[in-house]
Amino acid sequence: MNHRVGLDRGQTLLFPERLEDYIGAENPVRFLDAFVGSLDLPALEFAKARCANTGRPPYDPAALLKLYLYGYLHRVRSSRLLEAECHRNVEVLWLLGKLTPDFKTIADFRKDNLQPLKAVARQFTLLCRKLELFGGELLAIDGSKFAAVNARDQNFNAGKLQELIDRADARLAEYLQQLDASDTTEPSPSAVSPSELAAKIAALREKQDWHRELLAQLDAEQKQVSVTDPDTRKLPTAQGNVIGYNAQVAVDAKHKLIVADDVTNEGTDLRQLANVALAAKNNLELQHADVVADAGYYNASEVSRCVECGLTPFIPKADTSANTALGLYGKNQFKYDLTKDVYHCPAGSELTYRFSTYELGRELKYYRAKHCQTCPLKSRCTRNQGNRTLTREANEHLMEAMAARMQREPHKFKLRKTLVEHPFGTIKRYFGYTHFLLKGLTKVRTEWSLTTLAYNLKRVLNLVSVEKLLLAVG
């Protein structure tokens, strides 16, 4: 038995005479072509959407937009790789009419159209609404950390900078000692020459001055600085720290389509709930919806903003009480009496209101017990010498109502993982997009919108036939 044999390279072949014949009726590039063709690019404020009367004709932004959508959908984000596709990929040849823009033109298109590209993602959301692909009843929100264009050794905090400055001082003292010794003793053939030592001292002082400048930029608000991409931060992850950004999404439960996205450089999700949830509400034009998120989003002010706008959050509370960690009674074991505005402790005594204050962006009310010194449960309640104190946020009744909802409808929160972790898994594992290519928070937000649009495109192409999609945009 012989192996399979390919065609002789010298054999004459009869390829289709038209480029159109290479693209089947159900090829997704036909939808990309029709979708971009349906957009009003001047209204979306794309650069060069209208040609000037003089000068060299520019590339049509529609062609470059088609190229980017095709590239992100097929796991090709680099402008140089997209340039290569224009020369060898039959689908791209058909899509662009054999246009071959260079990588600089391709990269500049993305850089010059940050907001219009985000608007394209919203236009696709409108198309999905037209196709009734959104349920609009349950939204799931989550975030994930993505690496940025900034190496670990180009990110500094105060401790790291001070250590580098002190290390430079020690090295400078060593170099100066060697320089003094070279003036009083006969130098050996293997010794570093005075001119070389002087050059090392100058270079080390220059670098030390740079570290001091970076240290001067830090304060109580900005506790770290990145050099390559100033907007990046060191963020904690389950696998360790990453220098990057915190990408957020809101996912509709019906078909796991992303309905809102955002990027922040904050290390936690504590202040991200309302912005993403309200963006999803506006994109879908909802009156009411349920929102599920993990315990990292548990924040009374964020929940309050959602409730005010008609959204009903389902978020579990993580028990972070220091007393619980010590084996003492946590706050959840004290019962609040709304009618009397007091807390009842496990021993049956009342903690009454004492004063209000504003701390860390929260309005707090303080409640304190009496006669804790004589209470038989004091050793299990507090280790303080005085009486037990509790704080209550002004809108904590919303958190208590949410806890009651969580107990009544636990099935809704159980859907969270299957809804919102699916898109991140697809983006990171199938597409391979684990890091951003652009620098700066504004550019990264546009790149994330393109990434989530690619995910939605892939998802919709699996749900709806190309024929039906063409009819929808026609």
Protein backbone atom coordinates (compact mmCIF):
# COMPACT_ATOMS: atom_id res chain seq x y z
CA MET A 1 0.00 0.00 0.00
CA ASN A 2 1.34 3.42 -0.98
CA HIS A 3 0.98 6.73 0.76
CA ARG A 4 -1.45 9.35 -0.44
CA VAL A 5 0.14 11.47 -3.13
CA GLY A 6 -0.51 15.18 -3.71
CA LEU A 7 -0.77 16.99 -7.03
CA ASP A 8 2.22 17.55 -9.22
CA ARG A 9 3.25 21.20 -8.77
CA GLY A 10 3.78 21.49 -12.50
CA GLN A 11 0.27 20.33 -13.33
CA THR A 12 -2.07 22.92 -14.88
CA LEU A 13 -5.17 23.54 -12.74
CA LEU A 14 -8.46 25.24 -13.53
CA PHE A 15 -9.22 27.53 -10.58
CA PRO A 16 -12.50 29.42 -10.49
CA GLU A 17 -12.32 32.48 -12.67
CA ARG A 18 -14.00 34.78 -10.15
CA LEU A 19 -12.94 35.56 -6.58
CA GLU A 20 -16.64 35.38 -5.69
CA ASP A 21 -16.64 31.65 -6.49
CA TYR A 22 -14.19 30.94 -3.63
CA ILE A 23 -16.65 32.08 -0.94
CA GLY A 24 -19.63 29.81 -0.25
CA ALA A 25 -23.10 31.10 0.50
CA GLU A 26 -22.81 30.15 4.20
CA ASN A 27 -19.32 31.56 4.70
CA PRO A 28 -19.36 33.92 7.75
CA VAL A 29 -17.31 36.54 5.87
CA ARG A 30 -20.44 37.30 3.85
CA PHE A 31 -22.13 38.38 7.08
CA LEU A 32 -19.11 40.49 8.14
CA ASP A 33 -19.21 42.21 4.76
CA ALA A 34 -22.96 42.86 5.00
CA PHE A 35 -22.81 43.97 8.66
CA VAL A 36 -20.10 46.57 8.03
CA GLY A 37 -21.91 47.64 4.88
CA SER A 38 -25.04 48.34 6.94
CA LEU A 39 -23.22 50.73 9.30
CA ASP A 40 -23.28 54.49 8.88
CA LEU A 41 -19.55 55.05 9.37
CA PRO A 42 -19.68 58.88 9.10
CA ALA A 43 -22.39 58.93 11.79
CA LEU A 44 -20.22 56.70 13.97
CA GLU A 45 -17.43 59.28 13.47
CA PHE A 46 -14.86 57.02 11.82
CA ALA A 47 -11.80 58.92 10.66
CA LYS A 48 -11.61 59.40 6.88
CA ALA A 49 -15.17 58.13 6.43
CA ARG A 50 -15.59 61.11 4.12
CA CYS A 51 -12.86 61.73 1.56
CA ALA A 52 -11.25 65.11 1.05
CA ASN A 53 -11.35 66.68 -2.40
CA THR A 54 -7.56 66.79 -2.63
CA GLY A 55 -4.66 64.54 -1.73
CA ARG A 56 -4.09 60.84 -2.05
CA PRO A 57 -7.27 58.73 -1.63
CA PRO A 58 -7.32 57.00 1.79
CA TYR A 59 -8.36 53.44 2.51
CA ASP A 60 -12.07 53.10 3.13
CA PRO A 61 -12.54 52.66 6.92
CA ALA A 62 -15.15 50.02 6.06
CA ALA A 63 -12.40 47.84 4.53
CA LEU A 64 -10.13 48.19 7.56
CA LEU A 65 -13.04 47.57 9.93
CA LYS A 66 -13.86 44.34 8.05
CA LEU A 67 -10.22 43.32 8.38
CA TYR A 68 -10.18 43.90 12.14
CA LEU A 69 -13.45 42.06 12.72
CA TYR A 70 -12.21 39.14 10.65
CA GLY A 71 -8.86 39.16 12.46
CA TYR A 72 -10.27 39.22 15.99
CA LEU A 73 -12.81 36.54 15.06
CA HIS A 74 -10.04 34.28 13.73
CA ARG A 75 -7.52 34.88 16.53
CA VAL A 76 -5.34 37.32 14.57
CA ARG A 77 -4.87 40.67 16.38
CA SER A 78 -1.40 41.82 15.34
CA SER A 79 -1.31 44.48 12.60
CA ARG A 80 1.68 42.73 10.99
CA LEU A 81 -0.14 39.40 10.93
CA LEU A 82 -3.24 41.09 9.54
CA GLU A 83 -1.08 42.57 6.78
CA ALA A 84 0.14 39.07 5.93
CA GLU A 85 -3.45 37.80 5.77
CA CYS A 86 -4.23 40.43 3.12
CA HIS A 87 -1.71 38.77 0.80
CA ARG A 88 -2.43 35.09 1.33
CA ASN A 89 -5.91 34.52 2.82
CA VAL A 90 -8.57 33.99 0.14
CA GLU A 91 -11.38 35.07 2.51
CA VAL A 92 -9.56 38.34 3.28
CA LEU A 93 -8.83 38.85 -0.43
CA TRP A 94 -12.57 38.58 -1.08
CA LEU A 95 -13.52 40.70 1.92
CA LEU A 96 -11.18 43.58 1.03
CA GLY A 97 -11.31 43.27 -2.77
CA LYS A 98 -7.57 42.45 -2.84
CA LEU A 99 -6.63 45.63 -0.99
CA THR A 100 -3.27 45.22 0.79
CA PRO A 101 -2.84 47.93 3.46
CA ASP A 102 0.48 47.88 5.29
CA PHE A 103 0.73 47.15 9.00
CA LYS A 104 1.19 50.83 9.92
CA THR A 105 -2.06 51.77 8.18
CA ILE A 106 -3.83 48.88 9.93
CA ALA A 107 -2.45 49.81 13.36
CA ASP A 108 -3.24 53.52 12.91
CA PHE A 109 -6.85 52.70 12.03
CA ARG A 110 -7.38 51.14 15.44
CA LYS A 111 -5.51 53.93 17.21
CA ASP A 112 -7.45 56.69 15.42
CA ASN A 113 -10.91 55.17 15.88
CA LEU A 114 -11.12 54.19 19.55
CA GLN A 115 -14.67 55.41 20.25
CA PRO A 116 -16.09 54.46 16.83
CA LEU A 117 -14.87 50.90 17.28
CA LYS A 118 -16.66 50.72 20.64
CA ALA A 119 -19.78 52.03 18.88
CA VAL A 120 -19.58 49.13 16.38
CA ALA A 121 -19.87 46.70 19.32
CA ARG A 122 -23.04 48.52 20.39
CA GLN A 123 -24.42 48.28 16.85
CA PHE A 124 -23.94 44.52 16.94
CA THR A 125 -25.81 44.44 20.26
CA LEU A 126 -28.70 46.21 18.53
CA LEU A 127 -28.65 43.56 15.80
CA CYS A 128 -28.78 40.81 18.44
CA ARG A 129 -31.77 42.54 20.02
CA LYS A 130 -33.46 42.58 16.61
CA LEU A 131 -32.87 38.82 16.38
CA GLU A 132 -34.28 38.38 19.93
CA LEU A 133 -31.10 36.77 21.20
CA PHE A 134 -31.30 38.47 24.62
CA GLY A 135 -33.58 37.39 27.44
CA GLY A 136 -33.13 40.56 29.49
CA GLU A 137 -34.25 38.88 32.70
CA LEU A 138 -31.02 37.73 34.33
CA LEU A 139 -27.56 39.32 34.00
CA ALA A 140 -24.33 37.85 35.36
CA ILE A 141 -21.31 40.07 36.07
CA ASP A 142 -17.70 39.10 36.62
CA GLY A 143 -14.15 40.30 36.02
CA SER A 144 -10.84 38.72 35.06
CA LYS A 145 -7.25 39.94 35.06
CA PHE A 146 -5.37 40.29 31.76
CA ALA A 147 -1.66 41.04 31.39
CA ALA A 148 -0.58 44.35 29.86
CA VAL A 149 2.42 45.56 27.86
CA ASN A 150 4.47 46.17 31.00
CA ALA A 151 7.08 43.80 32.42
CA ARG A 152 7.21 43.04 36.15
CA ASP A 153 10.56 44.79 36.54
CA GLN A 154 9.00 47.95 35.08
CA ASN A 155 6.44 48.21 37.87
CA PHE A 156 7.46 49.78 41.18
CA ASN A 157 6.02 50.50 44.61
CA ALA A 158 7.58 52.56 47.38
CA GLY A 159 9.24 49.59 49.06
CA LYS A 160 10.78 48.29 45.85
CA LEU A 161 12.07 51.75 44.86
CA GLN A 162 13.56 52.43 48.28
CA GLU A 163 15.31 49.05 48.19
CA LEU A 164 16.79 49.84 44.76
CA ILE A 165 17.94 53.27 45.98
CA ASP A 166 19.58 51.77 49.10
CA ARG A 167 21.22 49.05 47.01
CA ALA A 168 22.60 51.72 44.67
CA ASP A 169 23.99 53.64 47.65
CA ALA A 170 25.83 50.53 48.81
CA ARG A 171 27.20 49.86 45.32
CA LEU A 172 28.26 53.51 44.94
CA ALA A 173 30.15 53.34 48.24
CA GLU A 174 31.92 50.22 46.97
CA TYR A 175 32.84 51.86 43.67
CA LEU A 176 34.09 55.03 45.42
CA GLN A 177 36.22 52.92 47.76
CA GLN A 178 37.75 51.13 44.77
CA LEU A 179 38.37 54.50 43.10
CA ASP A 180 40.16 55.83 46.21
CA ALA A 181 42.22 52.65 46.46
CA SER A 182 43.36 52.97 42.84
CA ASP A 183 44.88 56.40 43.68
CA THR A 184 47.06 55.06 46.51
CA THR A 185 48.12 51.59 45.31
CA GLU A 186 49.63 50.18 42.16
CA PRO A 187 46.71 48.79 40.05
CA SER A 188 46.85 45.10 39.12
CA PRO A 189 46.32 44.03 35.49
CA SER A 190 42.93 42.51 36.36
CA ALA A 191 41.64 45.57 38.24
CA VAL A 192 38.97 47.85 36.83
CA SER A 193 40.49 51.09 35.50
CA PRO A 194 39.55 54.44 37.10
CA SER A 195 37.84 55.57 33.88
CA GLU A 196 35.67 52.43 33.87
CA LEU A 197 34.80 52.95 37.55
CA ALA A 198 33.86 56.57 36.85
CA ALA A 199 31.56 55.47 34.01
CA LYS A 200 29.88 52.89 36.28
CA ILE A 201 29.41 55.48 39.02
CA ALA A 202 27.83 57.96 36.59
CA ALA A 203 25.45 55.32 35.17
CA LEU A 204 24.46 54.12 38.64
CA ARG A 205 23.79 57.66 39.86
CA GLU A 206 21.67 58.38 36.80
CA LYS A 207 19.56 55.28 37.43
CA GLN A 208 19.30 56.12 41.14
CA ASP A 209 18.06 59.63 40.29
CA TRP A 210 15.43 58.07 38.03
CA HIS A 211 14.27 55.80 40.88
CA ARG A 212 14.04 58.83 43.18
CA GLU A 213 11.87 60.63 40.60
CA LEU A 214 9.56 57.61 40.44
CA LEU A 215 9.39 57.47 44.25
CA ALA A 216 8.41 61.15 44.35
CA GLN A 217 5.38 60.37 42.14
CA LEU A 218 3.89 58.00 44.72
CA ASP A 219 1.44 59.16 47.36
CA ALA A 220 -1.49 57.85 49.41
CA GLU A 221 -3.63 57.41 46.28
CA GLN A 222 -1.04 56.24 43.76
CA LYS A 223 0.87 53.51 45.56
CA GLN A 224 2.62 52.06 42.50
CA VAL A 225 3.92 53.26 39.17
CA SER A 226 4.42 51.45 35.85
CA VAL A 227 6.94 52.69 33.31
CA THR A 228 6.02 51.11 29.96
CA ASP A 229 2.25 51.55 30.40
CA PRO A 230 1.58 54.11 33.16
CA ASP A 231 -2.05 52.98 33.56
CA THR A 232 -1.22 49.38 34.48
CA ARG A 233 -1.11 48.12 38.06
CA LYS A 234 0.05 45.01 39.86
CA LEU A 235 -3.15 42.99 40.37
CA PRO A 236 -3.64 39.88 42.53
CA THR A 237 -4.81 36.65 40.88
CA ALA A 238 -5.18 33.04 41.99
CA GLN A 239 -1.91 32.22 40.19
CA GLY A 240 -0.01 35.19 41.64
CA ASN A 241 0.31 38.85 40.78
CA VAL A 242 0.00 40.12 37.20
CA ILE A 243 0.87 43.54 35.79
CA GLY A 244 -2.24 44.37 33.82
CA TYR A 245 -5.90 45.34 33.84
CA ASN A 246 -9.16 44.09 35.34
CA ALA A 247 -11.62 43.37 32.49
CA GLN A 248 -15.34 43.33 33.30
CA VAL A 249 -18.35 41.88 31.46
CA ALA A 250 -22.10 41.56 31.92
CA VAL A 251 -23.59 38.44 30.32
CA ASP A 252 -27.22 37.84 29.40
CA ALA A 253 -28.52 34.47 30.57
CA LYS A 254 -30.43 33.46 27.41
CA HIS A 255 -27.47 32.72 25.10
CA LYS A 256 -24.47 33.81 27.21
CA LEU A 257 -23.91 36.87 25.05
CA ILE A 258 -21.92 39.79 26.46
CA VAL A 259 -24.13 42.88 26.75
CA ALA A 260 -21.69 45.30 28.42
CA ASP A 261 -17.95 45.49 28.99
CA ASP A 262 -15.46 47.70 30.78
CA VAL A 263 -11.82 47.74 31.88
CA THR A 264 -10.34 49.15 35.07
CA ASN A 265 -6.93 49.04 36.73
CA GLU A 266 -8.38 48.51 40.21
CA GLY A 267 -7.23 45.30 41.85
CA THR A 268 -10.66 44.28 43.17
CA ASP A 269 -14.23 44.17 41.88
CA LEU A 270 -15.59 46.04 44.89
CA ARG A 271 -16.56 49.18 42.92
CA GLN A 272 -17.36 47.66 39.53
CA LEU A 273 -20.92 46.32 39.92
CA ALA A 274 -23.09 49.35 39.21
CA ASN A 275 -21.20 50.74 36.21
CA VAL A 276 -21.28 47.44 34.31
CA ALA A 277 -24.83 46.53 35.37
CA LEU A 278 -26.25 49.92 34.40
CA ALA A 279 -24.40 49.83 31.06
CA ALA A 280 -26.02 46.45 30.37
CA LYS A 281 -29.43 47.82 31.37
CA ASN A 282 -29.04 50.76 28.98
CA ASN A 283 -27.75 48.63 26.11
CA LEU A 284 -30.75 46.32 26.36
CA GLU A 285 -33.16 49.13 27.28
CA LEU A 286 -34.46 47.19 30.28
CA GLN A 287 -36.84 48.36 32.98
CA HIS A 288 -36.02 45.59 35.45
CA ALA A 289 -33.57 42.69 35.62
CA ASP A 290 -31.91 40.42 38.17
CA VAL A 291 -28.12 40.69 38.53
CA VAL A 292 -25.85 37.98 39.96
CA ALA A 293 -22.20 38.44 40.94
CA ASP A 294 -19.73 36.81 43.30
CA ALA A 295 -18.81 37.98 46.80
CA GLY A 296 -16.08 40.27 45.45
CA TYR A 297 -18.81 42.69 44.34
CA TYR A 298 -20.45 42.93 47.77
CA ASN A 299 -20.66 46.68 48.34
CA ALA A 300 -23.63 48.51 49.83
CA SER A 301 -23.24 51.70 47.77
CA GLU A 302 -22.99 49.71 44.50
CA VAL A 303 -26.03 47.63 45.41
CA SER A 304 -27.92 50.82 46.28
CA ARG A 305 -27.19 52.31 42.84
CA CYS A 306 -28.48 49.16 41.15
CA VAL A 307 -31.68 49.06 43.21
CA GLU A 308 -32.39 52.73 42.51
CA CYS A 309 -32.28 51.97 38.77
CA GLY A 310 -34.57 48.94 38.86
CA LEU A 311 -31.94 46.18 39.06
CA THR A 312 -32.20 43.44 41.68
CA PRO A 313 -28.77 42.18 42.81
CA PHE A 314 -28.01 38.67 44.11
CA ILE A 315 -24.59 38.77 45.78
CA PRO A 316 -23.40 36.60 48.67
CA LYS A 317 -21.70 38.18 51.64
CA ALA A 318 -18.21 37.02 52.48
CA ASP A 319 -17.68 36.82 56.24
CA THR A 320 -14.61 39.03 56.70
CA SER A 321 -15.25 39.81 60.37
CA ALA A 322 -12.11 39.81 62.50
CA ASN A 323 -14.16 38.47 65.40
CA THR A 324 -15.22 35.41 63.38
CA ALA A 325 -11.57 34.73 62.54
CA LEU A 326 -10.85 34.80 66.28
CA GLY A 327 -13.71 32.40 67.05
CA LEU A 328 -15.92 35.16 68.48
CA TYR A 329 -19.46 36.22 67.64
CA GLY A 330 -19.66 37.89 64.24
CA LYS A 331 -22.04 40.64 63.27
CA ASN A 332 -24.37 38.14 61.59
CA GLN A 333 -25.21 36.76 65.04
CA PHE A 334 -26.62 40.11 66.14
CA LYS A 335 -30.24 40.78 65.13
CA TYR A 336 -31.33 44.25 64.05
CA ASP A 337 -34.70 45.60 65.21
CA LEU A 338 -35.90 48.18 62.69
CA THR A 339 -38.79 49.50 64.82
CA LYS A 340 -36.56 50.30 67.81
CA ASP A 341 -33.35 50.94 65.82
CA VAL A 342 -31.31 48.64 68.05
CA TYR A 343 -29.29 45.43 67.73
CA HIS A 344 -29.95 42.41 69.95
CA CYS A 345 -26.85 40.48 70.98
CA PRO A 346 -26.71 36.66 71.52
CA ALA A 347 -27.19 37.27 75.26
CA GLY A 348 -30.40 39.24 74.65
CA SER A 349 -29.06 42.70 75.48
CA GLU A 350 -29.57 45.73 73.26
CA LEU A 351 -26.89 47.69 71.37
CA THR A 352 -28.32 51.21 71.05
CA TYR A 353 -27.47 53.95 68.55
CA ARG A 354 -24.70 56.31 69.70
CA PHE A 355 -23.48 58.48 66.79
CA SER A 356 -23.02 58.67 62.99
CA THR A 357 -19.87 59.32 60.96
CA TYR A 358 -18.49 59.15 57.43
CA GLU A 359 -15.59 56.76 56.87
CA LEU A 360 -13.95 55.49 53.67
CA GLY A 361 -16.78 56.77 51.51
CA ARG A 362 -19.47 55.19 53.70
CA GLU A 363 -22.02 56.74 56.04
CA LEU A 364 -21.89 54.68 59.24
CA LYS A 365 -24.03 54.54 62.37
CA TYR A 366 -22.43 53.23 65.58
CA TYR A 367 -24.29 51.03 68.10
CA ARG A 368 -22.91 50.06 71.51
CA ALA A 369 -23.95 47.69 74.25
CA LYS A 370 -23.99 48.30 78.02
CA HIS A 371 -22.64 46.25 80.93
CA CYS A 372 -20.62 43.83 78.76
CA GLN A 373 -18.15 43.39 81.67
CA THR A 374 -20.76 41.42 83.64
CA CYS A 375 -22.09 39.41 80.69
CA PRO A 376 -21.38 35.64 80.91
CA LEU A 377 -20.83 35.52 77.12
CA LYS A 378 -18.24 38.31 77.00
CA SER A 379 -15.33 35.92 76.44
CA ARG A 380 -17.13 34.61 73.34
CA CYS A 381 -18.15 38.08 72.11
CA THR A 382 -15.25 40.50 72.36
CA ARG A 383 -11.71 40.79 73.72
CA ASN A 384 -11.94 44.55 74.18
CA GLN A 385 -12.02 45.95 77.68
CA GLY A 386 -15.04 48.12 76.89
CA ASN A 387 -18.48 47.27 75.52
CA ARG A 388 -19.18 45.60 72.17
CA THR A 389 -19.66 48.03 69.27
CA LEU A 390 -21.26 47.46 65.86
CA THR A 391 -21.50 49.67 62.79
CA ARG A 392 -24.37 49.90 60.33
CA GLU A 393 -24.29 51.51 56.89
CA ALA A 394 -27.07 53.92 55.93
CA ASN A 395 -28.32 51.56 53.22
CA GLU A 396 -27.63 48.29 55.00
CA HIS A 397 -31.33 47.42 54.86
CA LEU A 398 -30.78 46.78 51.13
CA MET A 399 -28.06 44.25 51.97
CA GLU A 400 -30.37 42.51 54.44
CA ALA A 401 -33.13 42.39 51.83
CA MET A 402 -30.62 40.93 49.36
CA ALA A 403 -29.59 38.26 51.87
CA ALA A 404 -33.24 37.30 52.24
CA ARG A 405 -33.56 37.05 48.44
CA MET A 406 -30.51 34.82 48.31
CA GLN A 407 -32.16 32.43 50.76
CA ARG A 408 -35.50 32.45 48.91
CA GLU A 409 -34.04 32.00 45.41
CA PRO A 410 -30.65 30.24 45.68
CA HIS A 411 -31.00 28.78 42.17
CA LYS A 412 -30.40 32.16 40.55
CA PHE A 413 -26.98 32.62 42.08
CA LYS A 414 -26.04 29.03 41.22
CA LEU A 415 -26.35 29.97 37.53
CA ARG A 416 -23.57 32.56 37.85
CA LYS A 417 -20.60 30.30 37.06
CA THR A 418 -22.19 28.69 34.03
CA LEU A 419 -23.11 32.10 32.62
CA VAL A 420 -20.29 34.52 33.15
CA GLU A 421 -17.24 32.27 33.43
CA HIS A 422 -18.03 30.70 30.04
CA PRO A 423 -17.12 33.85 28.03
CA PHE A 424 -13.85 34.35 29.90
CA GLY A 425 -12.93 30.70 29.34
CA THR A 426 -13.67 31.02 25.61
CA ILE A 427 -11.75 34.29 25.29
CA LYS A 428 -8.70 33.00 27.13
CA ARG A 429 -8.63 29.37 25.96
CA TYR A 430 -10.23 29.30 22.49
CA PHE A 431 -9.17 32.74 21.26
CA GLY A 432 -5.95 32.74 23.29
CA TYR A 433 -6.42 36.37 24.32
CA THR A 434 -4.73 36.41 27.73
CA HIS A 435 -3.05 39.79 27.36
CA PHE A 436 -3.64 43.20 25.80
CA LEU A 437 -1.60 44.56 22.89
CA LEU A 438 -2.31 48.27 23.36
CA LYS A 439 -1.05 50.67 26.02
CA GLY A 440 -3.18 53.02 28.10
CA LEU A 441 -6.57 52.50 29.71
CA THR A 442 -8.50 54.26 26.92
CA LYS A 443 -6.96 52.11 24.18
CA VAL A 444 -7.27 48.95 26.23
CA ARG A 445 -10.99 49.57 26.73
CA THR A 446 -11.42 49.69 22.93
CA GLU A 447 -9.34 46.53 22.54
CA TRP A 448 -11.54 44.79 25.11
CA SER A 449 -14.67 45.89 23.23
CA LEU A 450 -13.23 44.34 20.06
CA THR A 451 -12.46 41.16 22.00
CA THR A 452 -15.97 40.87 23.45
CA LEU A 453 -17.41 41.64 20.00
CA ALA A 454 -15.37 38.77 18.54
CA TYR A 455 -16.76 36.47 21.25
CA ASN A 456 -20.33 37.59 20.48
CA LEU A 457 -19.76 37.16 16.74
CA LYS A 458 -18.50 33.63 17.26
CA ARG A 459 -21.43 32.83 19.52
CA VAL A 460 -24.08 34.28 17.19
CA LEU A 461 -22.61 32.52 14.14
CA ASN A 462 -23.12 29.25 16.03
CA LEU A 463 -26.71 30.17 16.93
CA VAL A 464 -28.02 31.78 13.75
CA SER A 465 -27.51 30.82 10.11
CA VAL A 466 -25.63 33.19 7.81
CA GLU A 467 -28.75 33.41 5.65
CA LYS A 468 -30.85 34.68 8.56
CA LEU A 469 -28.13 37.11 9.60
CA LEU A 470 -27.94 38.52 6.07
CA LEU A 471 -31.68 39.05 6.08
CA ALA A 472 -31.44 40.84 9.43
CA VAL A 473 -28.87 43.37 8.18
CA GLY A 474 -30.40 43.68 4.71
